[in-house]
Amino acid sequence: MKHPPQGPTGLYILDALLNGNLHQLGTAFTHLLLPAVTLGIVLSGIFERIVRVNLKETLAADYVEAARARGIPEHRIFIHHALKNALIPVITVLGLTLAGLLGGAVLTEVTFSWPGLGQRLYEAIALRDYPTVQGIVVFFAVIVVAASILIDFLNAWIDPRIHY
């Protein structure tokens, strides 16, 4: 980007939205496309397989057959019975892959010269700025722990049989 949007957050997309500058918003999305695809393509295959396997297993369960026998419409069975139960392992794996996603973000930011915490971490490691490295690693750890707690709450909300 020639001229990054000026704003309080330092996040290109959010600052472009706050400034109401649609051209900079489009430019920010254009520059974000390739790094996002790079991070997402690796995880998409993993999640596709997990969803497919769990959904296939859930659709063959006895309670789904009982719902079909009661005459419940197929789309309602799929959404309310099968998909809801098949999402629990997917959400759990999502929480576990968050740490890998943050590590991938570091490599992606360095590769695409995208300013962010990953780029800052790389620079701090190269300069042997250990307090900065420790601070960013602790921040990433806090994000992973918060995401794990959120995943636990989501699983309990989706499946009432889960209690904490």
Protein backbone atom coordinates (compact mmCIF):
# COMPACT_ATOMS: atom_id res chain seq x y z
CA MET A 1 0.00 0.00 0.00
CA LYS A 2 1.32 3.40 -0.95
CA HIS A 3 -0.54 5.30 1.74
CA PRO A 4 -1.88 3.23 4.61
CA PRO A 5 -5.08 4.59 6.10
CA GLN A 6 -4.55 6.94 9.00
CA GLY A 7 -6.55 6.02 12.05
CA PRO A 8 -6.52 5.12 15.70
CA THR A 9 -6.29 1.34 15.33
CA GLY A 10 -3.45 0.77 12.86
CA LEU A 11 -5.56 -1.95 11.22
CA TYR A 12 -5.92 -1.14 7.53
CA ILE A 13 -9.42 -2.47 7.02
CA LEU A 14 -10.85 -1.01 10.22
CA ASP A 15 -9.21 2.37 9.70
CA ALA A 16 -10.43 2.53 6.09
CA LEU A 17 -13.96 1.78 7.34
CA LEU A 18 -13.72 4.40 10.09
CA ASN A 19 -12.48 6.99 7.58
CA GLY A 20 -15.18 6.00 5.07
CA ASN A 21 -12.57 5.55 2.36
CA LEU A 22 -13.86 2.79 0.09
CA HIS A 23 -10.83 2.92 -2.22
CA GLN A 24 -8.44 2.18 0.66
CA LEU A 25 -10.82 -0.50 1.91
CA GLY A 26 -10.71 -2.22 -1.49
CA THR A 27 -6.93 -1.90 -1.60
CA ALA A 28 -6.63 -3.38 1.90
CA PHE A 29 -8.79 -6.37 0.92
CA THR A 30 -6.79 -6.83 -2.28
CA HIS A 31 -3.53 -6.94 -0.33
CA LEU A 32 -5.04 -9.25 2.27
CA LEU A 33 -6.35 -11.78 -0.25
CA LEU A 34 -3.17 -13.76 -0.94
CA PRO A 35 -2.01 -13.99 2.72
CA ALA A 36 -5.52 -15.06 3.77
CA VAL A 37 -5.65 -17.76 1.08
CA THR A 38 -2.18 -18.91 2.13
CA LEU A 39 -3.26 -19.34 5.74
CA GLY A 40 -6.68 -20.76 4.92
CA ILE A 41 -5.81 -23.30 2.25
CA VAL A 42 -3.83 -25.49 4.63
CA LEU A 43 -6.57 -25.60 7.25
CA SER A 44 -9.47 -25.94 4.82
CA GLY A 45 -8.59 -29.53 3.91
CA ILE A 46 -8.29 -30.52 7.55
CA PHE A 47 -11.64 -29.02 8.47
CA GLU A 48 -13.37 -30.33 5.36
CA ARG A 49 -12.35 -33.86 6.25
CA ILE A 50 -13.35 -33.53 9.90
CA VAL A 51 -16.77 -32.09 9.00
CA ARG A 52 -17.39 -34.74 6.34
CA VAL A 53 -16.43 -37.67 8.57
CA ASN A 54 -18.39 -36.41 11.59
CA LEU A 55 -21.43 -35.47 9.52
CA LYS A 56 -21.47 -38.85 7.81
CA GLU A 57 -21.25 -40.58 11.19
CA THR A 58 -23.95 -38.36 12.71
CA LEU A 59 -26.35 -38.81 9.78
CA ALA A 60 -26.14 -42.59 10.30
CA ALA A 61 -27.00 -42.32 14.01
CA ASP A 62 -30.19 -43.82 15.44
CA TYR A 63 -31.67 -40.51 16.58
CA VAL A 64 -31.43 -39.14 13.01
CA GLU A 65 -33.24 -42.22 11.70
CA ALA A 66 -35.88 -41.76 14.41
CA ALA A 67 -36.33 -38.12 13.38
CA ARG A 68 -36.77 -39.20 9.75
CA ALA A 69 -39.32 -41.80 10.84
CA ARG A 70 -41.29 -39.07 12.65
CA GLY A 71 -41.55 -37.16 9.39
CA ILE A 72 -39.30 -34.22 10.27
CA PRO A 73 -38.13 -32.43 7.09
CA GLU A 74 -34.66 -33.38 5.90
CA HIS A 75 -33.24 -29.84 6.09
CA ARG A 76 -34.38 -29.51 9.70
CA ILE A 77 -32.83 -32.88 10.60
CA PHE A 78 -29.60 -31.79 8.95
CA ILE A 79 -29.36 -28.43 10.74
CA HIS A 80 -30.87 -29.15 14.15
CA HIS A 81 -29.77 -32.73 14.71
CA ALA A 82 -26.83 -33.73 12.54
CA LEU A 83 -24.87 -30.52 11.96
CA LYS A 84 -25.15 -29.37 15.56
CA ASN A 85 -23.66 -32.62 16.85
CA ALA A 86 -21.06 -32.86 14.09
CA LEU A 87 -19.73 -29.38 14.89
CA ILE A 88 -18.47 -30.26 18.38
CA PRO A 89 -15.25 -31.98 17.20
CA VAL A 90 -14.76 -29.31 14.53
CA ILE A 91 -14.90 -26.51 17.11
CA THR A 92 -12.49 -28.41 19.36
CA VAL A 93 -9.99 -28.90 16.53
CA LEU A 94 -10.37 -25.23 15.62
CA GLY A 95 -9.21 -24.28 19.09
CA LEU A 96 -6.27 -26.65 18.91
CA THR A 97 -5.14 -25.34 15.51
CA LEU A 98 -5.22 -21.71 16.61
CA ALA A 99 -1.65 -21.89 17.88
CA GLY A 100 -0.52 -23.28 14.53
CA LEU A 101 -2.45 -20.55 12.77
CA LEU A 102 -0.64 -17.88 14.80
CA GLY A 103 2.69 -19.48 13.90
CA GLY A 104 1.63 -19.57 10.26
CA ALA A 105 0.66 -15.91 10.52
CA VAL A 106 4.22 -15.08 11.55
CA LEU A 107 5.61 -16.78 8.43
CA THR A 108 2.90 -15.31 6.20
CA GLU A 109 3.47 -11.77 7.47
CA VAL A 110 7.20 -12.08 6.90
CA THR A 111 6.73 -13.58 3.43
CA PHE A 112 4.21 -10.98 2.26
CA SER A 113 5.75 -8.05 4.18
CA TRP A 114 2.45 -7.48 5.92
CA PRO A 115 2.89 -5.37 9.08
CA GLY A 116 1.66 -7.12 12.19
CA LEU A 117 2.69 -8.89 15.34
CA GLY A 118 4.25 -11.72 13.35
CA GLN A 119 6.46 -9.32 11.45
CA ARG A 120 7.36 -7.56 14.70
CA LEU A 121 8.20 -10.90 16.33
CA TYR A 122 10.47 -11.81 13.43
CA GLU A 123 12.27 -8.47 13.67
CA ALA A 124 12.65 -8.81 17.44
CA ILE A 125 14.15 -12.29 17.05
CA ALA A 126 16.57 -11.02 14.39
CA LEU A 127 17.62 -8.12 16.65
CA ARG A 128 17.78 -10.37 19.74
CA ASP A 129 15.28 -8.13 21.52
CA TYR A 130 14.29 -10.74 24.09
CA PRO A 131 11.81 -8.67 26.14
CA THR A 132 9.79 -7.96 22.97
CA VAL A 133 9.95 -11.61 21.94
CA GLN A 134 8.74 -12.67 25.38
CA GLY A 135 5.94 -10.10 25.33
CA ILE A 136 4.63 -11.18 21.93
CA VAL A 137 4.87 -14.88 22.83
CA VAL A 138 2.95 -14.24 26.07
CA PHE A 139 0.35 -12.28 24.11
CA PHE A 140 -0.04 -15.18 21.66
CA ALA A 141 -0.33 -17.57 24.62
CA VAL A 142 -3.09 -15.42 26.14
CA ILE A 143 -4.95 -15.51 22.82
CA VAL A 144 -4.67 -19.31 22.66
CA VAL A 145 -5.88 -19.71 26.27
CA ALA A 146 -8.79 -17.30 25.72
CA ALA A 147 -9.74 -19.16 22.53
CA SER A 148 -9.64 -22.48 24.40
CA ILE A 149 -11.98 -21.13 27.06
CA LEU A 150 -14.29 -19.74 24.37
CA ILE A 151 -14.27 -23.12 22.61
CA ASP A 152 -15.27 -24.83 25.86
CA PHE A 153 -18.19 -22.42 26.29
CA LEU A 154 -19.24 -22.91 22.65
CA ASN A 155 -19.19 -26.68 23.04
CA ALA A 156 -21.32 -26.42 26.20
CA TRP A 157 -23.76 -24.10 24.41
CA ILE A 158 -24.06 -26.39 21.38
CA ASP A 159 -24.36 -29.60 23.39
CA PRO A 160 -26.22 -29.22 26.70
CA ARG A 161 -24.89 -32.60 27.86
CA ILE A 162 -21.48 -30.96 28.37
CA HIS A 163 -21.16 -29.44 31.84
CA TYR A 164 -18.26 -27.61 33.48
